[in-house]
Amino acid sequence: MVDAEVASQALKSALEHDPPSGADVRFVAEKGAAGWNAHLWGPWLEEACESASNTHFGKGAVWMGEGERFHLWAC
């Protein structure tokens, strides 16, 4: 897992360091989280998803992990 405070400070440093063309760049973290680690699926579930996807869509299943929202405001 990632320490949310350490990650937030690293991101702030990277984004605010030496902005181009005299831009005013400010990073303010509202909150942070350490994330989570999903358990691996059992082989039966992966096989069922693959079979269903192939049957109904003619292609294998596609997997995507998605995390918290990331807001970027440009003013």
PDB file of N, CA and C in Angstrom:
ATOM      1  N   MET A   1       0.829  -1.180   0.000  1.00  0.00           N
ATOM      2  CA  MET A   1       0.000   0.000   0.000  1.00  0.00           C
ATOM      3  C   MET A   1       0.881   1.253   0.000  1.00  0.00           C
ATOM      4  N   VAL A   2       0.269   2.340  -0.329  1.00  0.00           N
ATOM      5  CA  VAL A   2       0.962   3.620  -0.411  1.00  0.00           C
ATOM      6  C   VAL A   2       0.547   4.488   0.769  1.00  0.00           C
ATOM      7  N   ASP A   3       1.499   5.168   1.375  1.00  0.00           N
ATOM      8  CA  ASP A   3       1.197   6.137   2.421  1.00  0.00           C
ATOM      9  C   ASP A   3       0.602   7.365   1.732  1.00  0.00           C
ATOM     10  N   ALA A   4      -0.660   7.662   1.992  1.00  0.00           N
ATOM     11  CA  ALA A   4      -1.371   8.732   1.295  1.00  0.00           C
ATOM     12  C   ALA A   4      -0.705  10.094   1.489  1.00  0.00           C
ATOM     13  N   GLU A   5      -0.222  10.379   2.672  1.00  0.00           N
ATOM     14  CA  GLU A   5       0.413  11.680   2.931  1.00  0.00           C
ATOM     15  C   GLU A   5       1.720  11.811   2.158  1.00  0.00           C
ATOM     16  N   VAL A   6       2.524  10.767   2.138  1.00  0.00           N
ATOM     17  CA  VAL A   6       3.789  10.780   1.391  1.00  0.00           C
ATOM     18  C   VAL A   6       3.512  10.947  -0.103  1.00  0.00           C
ATOM     19  N   ALA A   7       2.526  10.224  -0.616  1.00  0.00           N
ATOM     20  CA  ALA A   7       2.176  10.323  -2.037  1.00  0.00           C
ATOM     21  C   ALA A   7       1.668  11.713  -2.382  1.00  0.00           C
ATOM     22  N   SER A   8       0.853  12.290  -1.519  1.00  0.00           N
ATOM     23  CA  SER A   8       0.314  13.627  -1.749  1.00  0.00           C
ATOM     24  C   SER A   8       1.428  14.668  -1.794  1.00  0.00           C
ATOM     25  N   GLN A   9       2.375  14.578  -0.866  1.00  0.00           N
ATOM     26  CA  GLN A   9       3.492  15.524  -0.850  1.00  0.00           C
ATOM     27  C   GLN A   9       4.379  15.357  -2.080  1.00  0.00           C
ATOM     28  N   ALA A  10       4.598  14.129  -2.512  1.00  0.00           N
ATOM     29  CA  ALA A  10       5.407  13.884  -3.712  1.00  0.00           C
ATOM     30  C   ALA A  10       4.723  14.460  -4.947  1.00  0.00           C
ATOM     31  N   LEU A  11       3.416  14.286  -5.038  1.00  0.00           N
ATOM     32  CA  LEU A  11       2.663  14.827  -6.166  1.00  0.00           C
ATOM     33  C   LEU A  11       2.686  16.351  -6.148  1.00  0.00           C
ATOM     34  N   LYS A  12       2.517  16.945  -4.979  1.00  0.00           N
ATOM     35  CA  LYS A  12       2.566  18.403  -4.840  1.00  0.00           C
ATOM     36  C   LYS A  12       3.922  18.935  -5.292  1.00  0.00           C
ATOM     37  N   SER A  13       4.988  18.309  -4.835  1.00  0.00           N
ATOM     38  CA  SER A  13       6.339  18.741  -5.217  1.00  0.00           C
ATOM     39  C   SER A  13       6.552  18.639  -6.721  1.00  0.00           C
ATOM     40  N   ALA A  14       6.119  17.531  -7.308  1.00  0.00           N
ATOM     41  CA  ALA A  14       6.319  17.324  -8.748  1.00  0.00           C
ATOM     42  C   ALA A  14       5.525  18.328  -9.573  1.00  0.00           C
ATOM     43  N   LEU A  15       4.290  18.602  -9.174  1.00  0.00           N
ATOM     44  CA  LEU A  15       3.439  19.498  -9.956  1.00  0.00           C
ATOM     45  C   LEU A  15       3.805  20.968  -9.791  1.00  0.00           C
ATOM     46  N   GLU A  16       4.256  21.358  -8.606  1.00  0.00           N
ATOM     47  CA  GLU A  16       4.539  22.768  -8.347  1.00  0.00           C
ATOM     48  C   GLU A  16       5.972  23.173  -8.660  1.00  0.00           C
ATOM     49  N   HIS A  17       6.859  22.212  -8.861  1.00  0.00           N
ATOM     50  CA  HIS A  17       8.266  22.515  -9.113  1.00  0.00           C
ATOM     51  C   HIS A  17       8.477  23.060 -10.523  1.00  0.00           C
ATOM     52  N   ASP A  18       9.033  24.244 -10.620  1.00  0.00           N
ATOM     53  CA  ASP A  18       9.456  24.849 -11.884  1.00  0.00           C
ATOM     54  C   ASP A  18       8.372  24.828 -12.968  1.00  0.00           C
ATOM     55  N   PRO A  19       7.238  25.489 -12.727  1.00  0.00           N
ATOM     56  CA  PRO A  19       6.182  25.508 -13.738  1.00  0.00           C
ATOM     57  C   PRO A  19       6.626  26.267 -14.995  1.00  0.00           C
ATOM     58  N   PRO A  20       6.152  25.864 -16.152  1.00  0.00           N
ATOM     59  CA  PRO A  20       6.566  26.499 -17.402  1.00  0.00           C
ATOM     60  C   PRO A  20       5.941  27.882 -17.587  1.00  0.00           C
ATOM     61  N   SER A  21       6.639  28.730 -18.283  1.00  0.00           N
ATOM     62  CA  SER A  21       6.141  30.053 -18.699  1.00  0.00           C
ATOM     63  C   SER A  21       5.590  30.886 -17.555  1.00  0.00           C
ATOM     64  N   GLY A  22       6.160  30.744 -16.373  1.00  0.00           N
ATOM     65  CA  GLY A  22       5.735  31.544 -15.231  1.00  0.00           C
ATOM     66  C   GLY A  22       4.333  31.218 -14.730  1.00  0.00           C
ATOM     67  N   ALA A  23       3.833  30.048 -15.050  1.00  0.00           N
ATOM     68  CA  ALA A  23       2.486  29.653 -14.619  1.00  0.00           C
ATOM     69  C   ALA A  23       2.415  29.570 -13.098  1.00  0.00           C
ATOM     70  N   ASP A  24       1.256  29.878 -12.550  1.00  0.00           N
ATOM     71  CA  ASP A  24       1.012  29.756 -11.116  1.00  0.00           C
ATOM     72  C   ASP A  24       0.354  28.400 -10.883  1.00  0.00           C
ATOM     73  N   VAL A  25       1.102  27.470 -10.313  1.00  0.00           N
ATOM     74  CA  VAL A  25       0.600  26.114 -10.109  1.00  0.00           C
ATOM     75  C   VAL A  25       0.501  25.844  -8.616  1.00  0.00           C
ATOM     76  N   ARG A  26      -0.693  25.453  -8.172  1.00  0.00           N
ATOM     77  CA  ARG A  26      -0.913  25.115  -6.766  1.00  0.00           C
ATOM     78  C   ARG A  26      -1.654  23.790  -6.678  1.00  0.00           C
ATOM     79  N   PHE A  27      -1.140  22.907  -5.858  1.00  0.00           N
ATOM     80  CA  PHE A  27      -1.778  21.610  -5.631  1.00  0.00           C
ATOM     81  C   PHE A  27      -2.264  21.561  -4.194  1.00  0.00           C
ATOM     82  N   VAL A  28      -3.557  21.300  -4.008  1.00  0.00           N
ATOM     83  CA  VAL A  28      -4.133  21.168  -2.675  1.00  0.00           C
ATOM     84  C   VAL A  28      -4.869  19.830  -2.621  1.00  0.00           C
ATOM     85  N   ALA A  29      -4.407  18.953  -1.772  1.00  0.00           N
ATOM     86  CA  ALA A  29      -5.052  17.643  -1.634  1.00  0.00           C
ATOM     87  C   ALA A  29      -6.182  17.755  -0.622  1.00  0.00           C
ATOM     88  N   GLU A  30      -7.381  17.387  -1.028  1.00  0.00           N
ATOM     89  CA  GLU A  30      -8.517  17.406  -0.108  1.00  0.00           C
ATOM     90  C   GLU A  30      -8.456  16.243   0.870  1.00  0.00           C
ATOM     91  N   LYS A  31      -8.091  15.088   0.355  1.00  0.00           N
ATOM     92  CA  LYS A  31      -7.965  13.910   1.206  1.00  0.00           C
ATOM     93  C   LYS A  31      -7.135  12.878   0.462  1.00  0.00           C
ATOM     94  N   GLY A  32      -6.658  11.908   1.177  1.00  0.00           N
ATOM     95  CA  GLY A  32      -5.886  10.835   0.564  1.00  0.00           C
ATOM     96  C   GLY A  32      -6.310   9.501   1.148  1.00  0.00           C
ATOM     97  N   ALA A  33      -5.975   8.456   0.451  1.00  0.00           N
ATOM     98  CA  ALA A  33      -6.304   7.114   0.926  1.00  0.00           C
ATOM     99  C   ALA A  33      -5.193   6.164   0.514  1.00  0.00           C
ATOM    100  N   ALA A  34      -4.983   5.144   1.310  1.00  0.00           N
ATOM    101  CA  ALA A  34      -3.910   4.192   1.053  1.00  0.00           C
ATOM    102  C   ALA A  34      -4.257   3.211  -0.060  1.00  0.00           C
ATOM    103  N   GLY A  35      -5.502   3.181  -0.484  1.00  0.00           N
ATOM    104  CA  GLY A  35      -5.895   2.255  -1.536  1.00  0.00           C
ATOM    105  C   GLY A  35      -6.316   0.918  -0.967  1.00  0.00           C
ATOM    106  N   TRP A  36      -6.450  -0.042  -1.846  1.00  0.00           N
ATOM    107  CA  TRP A  36      -6.877  -1.367  -1.425  1.00  0.00           C
ATOM    108  C   TRP A  36      -6.300  -2.391  -2.378  1.00  0.00           C
ATOM    109  N   ASN A  37      -6.314  -3.612  -1.947  1.00  0.00           N
ATOM    110  CA  ASN A  37      -5.763  -4.700  -2.740  1.00  0.00           C
ATOM    111  C   ASN A  37      -6.854  -5.757  -2.898  1.00  0.00           C
ATOM    112  N   ALA A  38      -7.405  -5.860  -4.091  1.00  0.00           N
ATOM    113  CA  ALA A  38      -8.490  -6.807  -4.331  1.00  0.00           C
ATOM    114  C   ALA A  38      -7.969  -8.241  -4.295  1.00  0.00           C
ATOM    115  N   HIS A  39      -8.782  -9.122  -3.800  1.00  0.00           N
ATOM    116  CA  HIS A  39      -8.441 -10.544  -3.800  1.00  0.00           C
ATOM    117  C   HIS A  39      -8.485 -11.075  -5.226  1.00  0.00           C
ATOM    118  N   LEU A  40      -7.657 -12.044  -5.511  1.00  0.00           N
ATOM    119  CA  LEU A  40      -7.681 -12.669  -6.826  1.00  0.00           C
ATOM    120  C   LEU A  40      -8.977 -13.446  -6.999  1.00  0.00           C
ATOM    121  N   TRP A  41      -9.466 -13.459  -8.227  1.00  0.00           N
ATOM    122  CA  TRP A  41     -10.668 -14.227  -8.532  1.00  0.00           C
ATOM    123  C   TRP A  41     -10.324 -15.699  -8.592  1.00  0.00           C
ATOM    124  N   GLY A  42     -11.292 -16.521  -8.261  1.00  0.00           N
ATOM    125  CA  GLY A  42     -11.112 -17.955  -8.433  1.00  0.00           C
ATOM    126  C   GLY A  42     -11.157 -18.299  -9.916  1.00  0.00           C
ATOM    127  N   PRO A  43     -10.479 -19.363 -10.308  1.00  0.00           N
ATOM    128  CA  PRO A  43     -10.453 -19.762 -11.720  1.00  0.00           C
ATOM    129  C   PRO A  43     -11.853 -19.972 -12.300  1.00  0.00           C
ATOM    130  N   TRP A  44     -12.779 -20.481 -11.493  1.00  0.00           N
ATOM    131  CA  TRP A  44     -14.140 -20.728 -11.984  1.00  0.00           C
ATOM    132  C   TRP A  44     -14.822 -19.437 -12.419  1.00  0.00           C
ATOM    133  N   LEU A  45     -14.579 -18.322 -11.692  1.00  0.00           N
ATOM    134  CA  LEU A  45     -15.226 -17.056 -12.025  1.00  0.00           C
ATOM    135  C   LEU A  45     -14.623 -16.455 -13.292  1.00  0.00           C
ATOM    136  N   GLU A  46     -13.308 -16.525 -13.413  1.00  0.00           N
ATOM    137  CA  GLU A  46     -12.658 -16.024 -14.624  1.00  0.00           C
ATOM    138  C   GLU A  46     -13.121 -16.814 -15.849  1.00  0.00           C
ATOM    139  N   GLU A  47     -13.206 -18.129 -15.717  1.00  0.00           N
ATOM    140  CA  GLU A  47     -13.674 -18.971 -16.831  1.00  0.00           C
ATOM    141  C   GLU A  47     -15.126 -18.656 -17.189  1.00  0.00           C
ATOM    142  N   ALA A  48     -15.968 -18.425 -16.189  1.00  0.00           N
ATOM    143  CA  ALA A  48     -17.371 -18.096 -16.439  1.00  0.00           C
ATOM    144  C   ALA A  48     -17.501 -16.761 -17.168  1.00  0.00           C
ATOM    145  N   CYS A  49     -16.716 -15.768 -16.757  1.00  0.00           N
ATOM    146  CA  CYS A  49     -16.753 -14.458 -17.420  1.00  0.00           C
ATOM    147  C   CYS A  49     -16.258 -14.555 -18.856  1.00  0.00           C
ATOM    148  N   GLU A  50     -15.182 -15.287 -19.069  1.00  0.00           N
ATOM    149  CA  GLU A  50     -14.652 -15.471 -20.425  1.00  0.00           C
ATOM    150  C   GLU A  50     -15.673 -16.169 -21.313  1.00  0.00           C
ATOM    151  N   SER A  51     -16.287 -17.218 -20.801  1.00  0.00           N
ATOM    152  CA  SER A  51     -17.276 -17.972 -21.566  1.00  0.00           C
ATOM    153  C   SER A  51     -18.477 -17.099 -21.920  1.00  0.00           C
ATOM    154  N   ALA A  52     -18.994 -16.365 -20.939  1.00  0.00           N
ATOM    155  CA  ALA A  52     -20.149 -15.496 -21.180  1.00  0.00           C
ATOM    156  C   ALA A  52     -19.815 -14.402 -22.188  1.00  0.00           C
ATOM    157  N   SER A  53     -18.637 -13.801 -22.068  1.00  0.00           N
ATOM    158  CA  SER A  53     -18.237 -12.745 -22.991  1.00  0.00           C
ATOM    159  C   SER A  53     -18.099 -13.281 -24.412  1.00  0.00           C
ATOM    160  N   ASN A  54     -17.465 -14.437 -24.555  1.00  0.00           N
ATOM    161  CA  ASN A  54     -17.316 -15.046 -25.879  1.00  0.00           C
ATOM    162  C   ASN A  54     -18.671 -15.422 -26.476  1.00  0.00           C
ATOM    163  N   THR A  55     -19.561 -15.959 -25.652  1.00  0.00           N
ATOM    164  CA  THR A  55     -20.885 -16.364 -26.131  1.00  0.00           C
ATOM    165  C   THR A  55     -21.710 -15.167 -26.597  1.00  0.00           C
ATOM    166  N   HIS A  56     -21.706 -14.100 -25.816  1.00  0.00           N
ATOM    167  CA  HIS A  56     -22.594 -12.967 -26.098  1.00  0.00           C
ATOM    168  C   HIS A  56     -21.966 -11.867 -26.947  1.00  0.00           C
ATOM    169  N   PHE A  57     -20.649 -11.731 -26.917  1.00  0.00           N
ATOM    170  CA  PHE A  57     -20.003 -10.641 -27.646  1.00  0.00           C
ATOM    171  C   PHE A  57     -19.003 -11.112 -28.689  1.00  0.00           C
ATOM    172  N   GLY A  58     -18.702 -12.412 -28.685  1.00  0.00           N
ATOM    173  CA  GLY A  58     -17.756 -12.942 -29.663  1.00  0.00           C
ATOM    174  C   GLY A  58     -16.309 -12.595 -29.373  1.00  0.00           C
ATOM    175  N   LYS A  59     -16.038 -12.096 -28.184  1.00  0.00           N
ATOM    176  CA  LYS A  59     -14.675 -11.726 -27.772  1.00  0.00           C
ATOM    177  C   LYS A  59     -14.510 -12.053 -26.298  1.00  0.00           C
ATOM    178  N   GLY A  60     -13.237 -12.198 -25.894  1.00  0.00           N
ATOM    179  CA  GLY A  60     -12.944 -12.456 -24.492  1.00  0.00           C
ATOM    180  C   GLY A  60     -13.274 -11.262 -23.612  1.00  0.00           C
ATOM    181  N   ALA A  61     -13.357 -11.514 -22.328  1.00  0.00           N
ATOM    182  CA  ALA A  61     -13.654 -10.461 -21.360  1.00  0.00           C
ATOM    183  C   ALA A  61     -12.496  -9.469 -21.266  1.00  0.00           C
ATOM    184  N   VAL A  62     -12.826  -8.248 -20.913  1.00  0.00           N
ATOM    185  CA  VAL A  62     -11.828  -7.197 -20.709  1.00  0.00           C
ATOM    186  C   VAL A  62     -11.901  -6.791 -19.240  1.00  0.00           C
ATOM    187  N   TRP A  63     -10.755  -6.669 -18.607  1.00  0.00           N
ATOM    188  CA  TRP A  63     -10.708  -6.356 -17.180  1.00  0.00           C
ATOM    189  C   TRP A  63     -10.134  -4.963 -16.988  1.00  0.00           C
ATOM    190  N   MET A  64     -10.734  -4.197 -16.085  1.00  0.00           N
ATOM    191  CA  MET A  64     -10.239  -2.853 -15.820  1.00  0.00           C
ATOM    192  C   MET A  64     -10.412  -2.545 -14.339  1.00  0.00           C
ATOM    193  N   GLY A  65      -9.341  -2.098 -13.713  1.00  0.00           N
ATOM    194  CA  GLY A  65      -9.430  -1.629 -12.342  1.00  0.00           C
ATOM    195  C   GLY A  65      -9.657  -0.132 -12.357  1.00  0.00           C
ATOM    196  N   GLU A  66     -10.440   0.353 -11.427  1.00  0.00           N
ATOM    197  CA  GLU A  66     -10.725   1.779 -11.398  1.00  0.00           C
ATOM    198  C   GLU A  66     -10.641   2.264  -9.966  1.00  0.00           C
ATOM    199  N   GLY A  67      -9.998   3.400  -9.787  1.00  0.00           N
ATOM    200  CA  GLY A  67      -9.826   3.941  -8.446  1.00  0.00           C
ATOM    201  C   GLY A  67     -10.671   5.169  -8.212  1.00  0.00           C
ATOM    202  N   GLU A  68     -10.286   5.914  -7.240  1.00  0.00           N
ATOM    203  CA  GLU A  68     -10.969   7.142  -6.850  1.00  0.00           C
ATOM    204  C   GLU A  68     -10.875   8.171  -7.961  1.00  0.00           C
ATOM    205  N   ARG A  69     -11.763   9.120  -7.931  1.00  0.00           N
ATOM    206  CA  ARG A  69     -11.740  10.207  -8.921  1.00  0.00           C
ATOM    207  C   ARG A  69     -10.482  11.043  -8.753  1.00  0.00           C
ATOM    208  N   PHE A  70     -10.022  11.618  -9.847  1.00  0.00           N
ATOM    209  CA  PHE A  70      -8.879  12.528  -9.839  1.00  0.00           C
ATOM    210  C   PHE A  70      -9.323  13.806 -10.527  1.00  0.00           C
ATOM    211  N   HIS A  71      -9.455  14.883  -9.772  1.00  0.00           N
ATOM    212  CA  HIS A  71      -9.920  16.149 -10.331  1.00  0.00           C
ATOM    213  C   HIS A  71      -8.732  17.014 -10.730  1.00  0.00           C
ATOM    214  N   LEU A  72      -8.827  17.616 -11.880  1.00  0.00           N
ATOM    215  CA  LEU A  72      -7.808  18.561 -12.323  1.00  0.00           C
ATOM    216  C   LEU A  72      -8.534  19.809 -12.777  1.00  0.00           C
ATOM    217  N   TRP A  73      -8.306  20.889 -12.102  1.00  0.00           N
ATOM    218  CA  TRP A  73      -8.956  22.142 -12.465  1.00  0.00           C
ATOM    219  C   TRP A  73      -7.925  23.061 -13.077  1.00  0.00           C
ATOM    220  N   ALA A  74      -8.256  23.641 -14.192  1.00  0.00           N
ATOM    221  CA  ALA A  74      -7.397  24.645 -14.830  1.00  0.00           C
ATOM    222  C   ALA A  74      -8.183  25.943 -14.874  1.00  0.00           C
ATOM    223  N   CYS A  75      -7.704  26.952 -14.177  1.00  0.00           N
ATOM    224  CA  CYS A  75      -8.403  28.244 -14.144  1.00  0.00           C
ATOM    225  C   CYS A  75      -7.532  29.323 -14.746  1.00  0.00           C
TER     226      CYS A  75
END
